[in-house]
Amino acid sequence: MCEAAAYILKDGKEELLLQDVDLIEPDGENLRLVSIFGEQKVIKATIQSLNLVNHKVILVEK
């Protein structure tokens, strides 16, 4: 499976935001994340890094 876990960077630490992320798409100033189970989160953030080998996305709030 190729889903990733999305983390938000807060105070230098990674906090899990959403697991099994299948889709990340821009929505104006926000990012919309959708999991394979249909769970959605919208956050005002930018992508800091994508680690595709480890299935990890790091976001930073704006």
N, C-alpha and C. Protein backbone atom coordinates (compact mmCIF):
# COMPACT_ATOMS: atom_id res chain seq x y z
N MET A 1 0.85 -1.17 0.00
CA MET A 1 0.00 0.00 0.00
C MET A 1 0.89 1.23 0.00
N CYS A 2 0.39 2.28 -0.60
CA CYS A 2 1.22 3.47 -0.78
C CYS A 2 0.72 4.67 0.01
N GLU A 3 -0.18 4.46 0.95
CA GLU A 3 -0.70 5.57 1.71
C GLU A 3 0.39 6.11 2.64
N ALA A 4 0.21 7.35 3.04
CA ALA A 4 1.19 7.99 3.91
C ALA A 4 0.51 8.46 5.19
N ALA A 5 1.32 8.74 6.17
CA ALA A 5 0.84 9.38 7.39
C ALA A 5 1.23 10.85 7.30
N ALA A 6 0.30 11.74 7.62
CA ALA A 6 0.56 13.18 7.59
C ALA A 6 0.77 13.67 9.02
N TYR A 7 1.85 14.42 9.19
CA TYR A 7 2.20 14.98 10.49
C TYR A 7 2.25 16.49 10.38
N ILE A 8 1.88 17.17 11.46
CA ILE A 8 2.01 18.61 11.54
C ILE A 8 3.16 18.91 12.48
N LEU A 9 4.02 19.82 12.08
CA LEU A 9 5.18 20.18 12.89
C LEU A 9 4.79 21.29 13.86
N LYS A 10 4.86 20.99 15.17
CA LYS A 10 4.53 21.97 16.20
C LYS A 10 5.64 21.98 17.24
N ASP A 11 6.19 23.16 17.48
CA ASP A 11 7.27 23.32 18.45
C ASP A 11 8.42 22.34 18.19
N GLY A 12 8.71 22.11 16.91
CA GLY A 12 9.81 21.23 16.54
C GLY A 12 9.51 19.75 16.64
N LYS A 13 8.27 19.40 16.99
CA LYS A 13 7.89 18.00 17.12
C LYS A 13 6.80 17.65 16.12
N GLU A 14 6.83 16.42 15.65
CA GLU A 14 5.84 15.94 14.69
C GLU A 14 4.63 15.36 15.44
N GLU A 15 3.43 15.88 15.12
CA GLU A 15 2.19 15.36 15.69
C GLU A 15 1.37 14.74 14.55
N LEU A 16 0.91 13.53 14.76
CA LEU A 16 0.13 12.85 13.73
C LEU A 16 -1.15 13.62 13.46
N LEU A 17 -1.40 13.92 12.21
CA LEU A 17 -2.61 14.63 11.81
C LEU A 17 -3.63 13.66 11.20
N LEU A 18 -3.16 12.78 10.30
CA LEU A 18 -4.07 11.85 9.64
C LEU A 18 -3.26 10.67 9.10
N GLN A 19 -3.77 9.47 9.33
CA GLN A 19 -3.13 8.26 8.81
C GLN A 19 -3.79 7.83 7.51
N ASP A 20 -3.11 6.98 6.78
CA ASP A 20 -3.62 6.38 5.54
C ASP A 20 -4.07 7.43 4.53
N VAL A 21 -3.27 8.49 4.40
CA VAL A 21 -3.59 9.58 3.47
C VAL A 21 -3.38 9.09 2.04
N ASP A 22 -4.41 9.28 1.24
CA ASP A 22 -4.37 8.88 -0.16
C ASP A 22 -4.29 10.08 -1.09
N LEU A 23 -4.80 11.23 -0.61
CA LEU A 23 -4.88 12.41 -1.47
C LEU A 23 -4.57 13.65 -0.67
N ILE A 24 -3.73 14.51 -1.22
CA ILE A 24 -3.50 15.85 -0.68
C ILE A 24 -3.67 16.80 -1.85
N GLU A 25 -4.58 17.76 -1.68
CA GLU A 25 -4.79 18.72 -2.76
C GLU A 25 -4.95 20.12 -2.20
N PRO A 26 -4.45 21.11 -2.95
CA PRO A 26 -4.59 22.49 -2.50
C PRO A 26 -6.05 22.92 -2.61
N ASP A 27 -6.47 23.73 -1.64
CA ASP A 27 -7.84 24.26 -1.61
C ASP A 27 -7.73 25.71 -1.17
N GLY A 28 -7.37 26.57 -2.11
CA GLY A 28 -7.09 27.96 -1.77
C GLY A 28 -5.81 28.03 -0.97
N GLU A 29 -5.87 28.61 0.24
CA GLU A 29 -4.70 28.67 1.11
C GLU A 29 -4.56 27.43 1.97
N ASN A 30 -5.49 26.51 1.84
CA ASN A 30 -5.52 25.31 2.67
C ASN A 30 -5.06 24.08 1.88
N LEU A 31 -4.81 23.02 2.62
CA LEU A 31 -4.57 21.71 2.04
C LEU A 31 -5.70 20.80 2.51
N ARG A 32 -6.26 20.04 1.58
CA ARG A 32 -7.29 19.06 1.93
C ARG A 32 -6.66 17.68 1.87
N LEU A 33 -6.71 16.97 2.98
CA LEU A 33 -6.16 15.62 3.07
C LEU A 33 -7.31 14.64 3.16
N VAL A 34 -7.24 13.57 2.40
CA VAL A 34 -8.29 12.56 2.39
C VAL A 34 -7.64 11.19 2.58
N SER A 35 -8.18 10.43 3.54
CA SER A 35 -7.64 9.09 3.79
C SER A 35 -8.36 8.08 2.90
N ILE A 36 -7.83 6.86 2.87
CA ILE A 36 -8.45 5.81 2.07
C ILE A 36 -9.81 5.41 2.63
N PHE A 37 -10.11 5.84 3.85
CA PHE A 37 -11.40 5.53 4.47
C PHE A 37 -12.39 6.68 4.32
N GLY A 38 -12.00 7.74 3.60
CA GLY A 38 -12.89 8.86 3.35
C GLY A 38 -12.82 9.96 4.40
N GLU A 39 -12.02 9.77 5.43
CA GLU A 39 -11.86 10.82 6.45
C GLU A 39 -11.12 12.00 5.81
N GLN A 40 -11.60 13.21 6.07
CA GLN A 40 -11.00 14.40 5.47
C GLN A 40 -10.61 15.40 6.55
N LYS A 41 -9.52 16.09 6.30
CA LYS A 41 -9.08 17.19 7.15
C LYS A 41 -8.63 18.31 6.23
N VAL A 42 -9.00 19.52 6.60
CA VAL A 42 -8.56 20.70 5.87
C VAL A 42 -7.75 21.54 6.84
N ILE A 43 -6.57 21.93 6.42
CA ILE A 43 -5.67 22.66 7.30
C ILE A 43 -4.96 23.75 6.50
N LYS A 44 -4.77 24.89 7.14
CA LYS A 44 -4.02 25.98 6.52
C LYS A 44 -2.55 25.69 6.78
N ALA A 45 -1.88 25.09 5.80
CA ALA A 45 -0.51 24.64 5.98
C ALA A 45 0.20 24.53 4.64
N THR A 46 1.51 24.35 4.74
CA THR A 46 2.32 24.07 3.56
C THR A 46 3.04 22.74 3.79
N ILE A 47 3.45 22.14 2.72
CA ILE A 47 4.19 20.88 2.82
C ILE A 47 5.66 21.22 3.04
N GLN A 48 6.21 20.70 4.12
CA GLN A 48 7.64 20.90 4.39
C GLN A 48 8.45 19.81 3.72
N SER A 49 7.97 18.55 3.81
CA SER A 49 8.70 17.47 3.17
C SER A 49 7.79 16.28 2.90
N LEU A 50 8.19 15.52 1.89
CA LEU A 50 7.54 14.27 1.54
C LEU A 50 8.61 13.19 1.55
N ASN A 51 8.40 12.16 2.34
CA ASN A 51 9.33 11.04 2.35
C ASN A 51 8.53 9.83 1.84
N LEU A 52 8.64 9.58 0.55
CA LEU A 52 7.82 8.56 -0.08
C LEU A 52 8.24 7.15 0.30
N VAL A 53 9.52 6.95 0.58
CA VAL A 53 9.98 5.62 0.98
C VAL A 53 9.38 5.24 2.34
N ASN A 54 9.33 6.23 3.25
CA ASN A 54 8.80 5.98 4.59
C ASN A 54 7.33 6.35 4.72
N HIS A 55 6.70 6.75 3.62
CA HIS A 55 5.27 7.08 3.61
C HIS A 55 4.93 8.15 4.64
N LYS A 56 5.67 9.25 4.60
CA LYS A 56 5.53 10.29 5.61
C LYS A 56 5.46 11.67 4.96
N VAL A 57 4.48 12.47 5.38
CA VAL A 57 4.31 13.84 4.91
C VAL A 57 4.41 14.76 6.13
N ILE A 58 5.26 15.77 6.04
CA ILE A 58 5.40 16.73 7.12
C ILE A 58 4.82 18.06 6.65
N LEU A 59 3.88 18.60 7.45
CA LEU A 59 3.22 19.87 7.15
C LEU A 59 3.61 20.91 8.19
N VAL A 60 3.57 22.18 7.78
CA VAL A 60 3.82 23.30 8.69
C VAL A 60 2.63 24.23 8.57
N GLU A 61 2.01 24.56 9.71
CA GLU A 61 0.87 25.47 9.70
C GLU A 61 1.31 26.87 9.29
N LYS A 62 0.44 27.55 8.55
CA LYS A 62 0.71 28.94 8.15
C LYS A 62 0.30 29.87 9.25
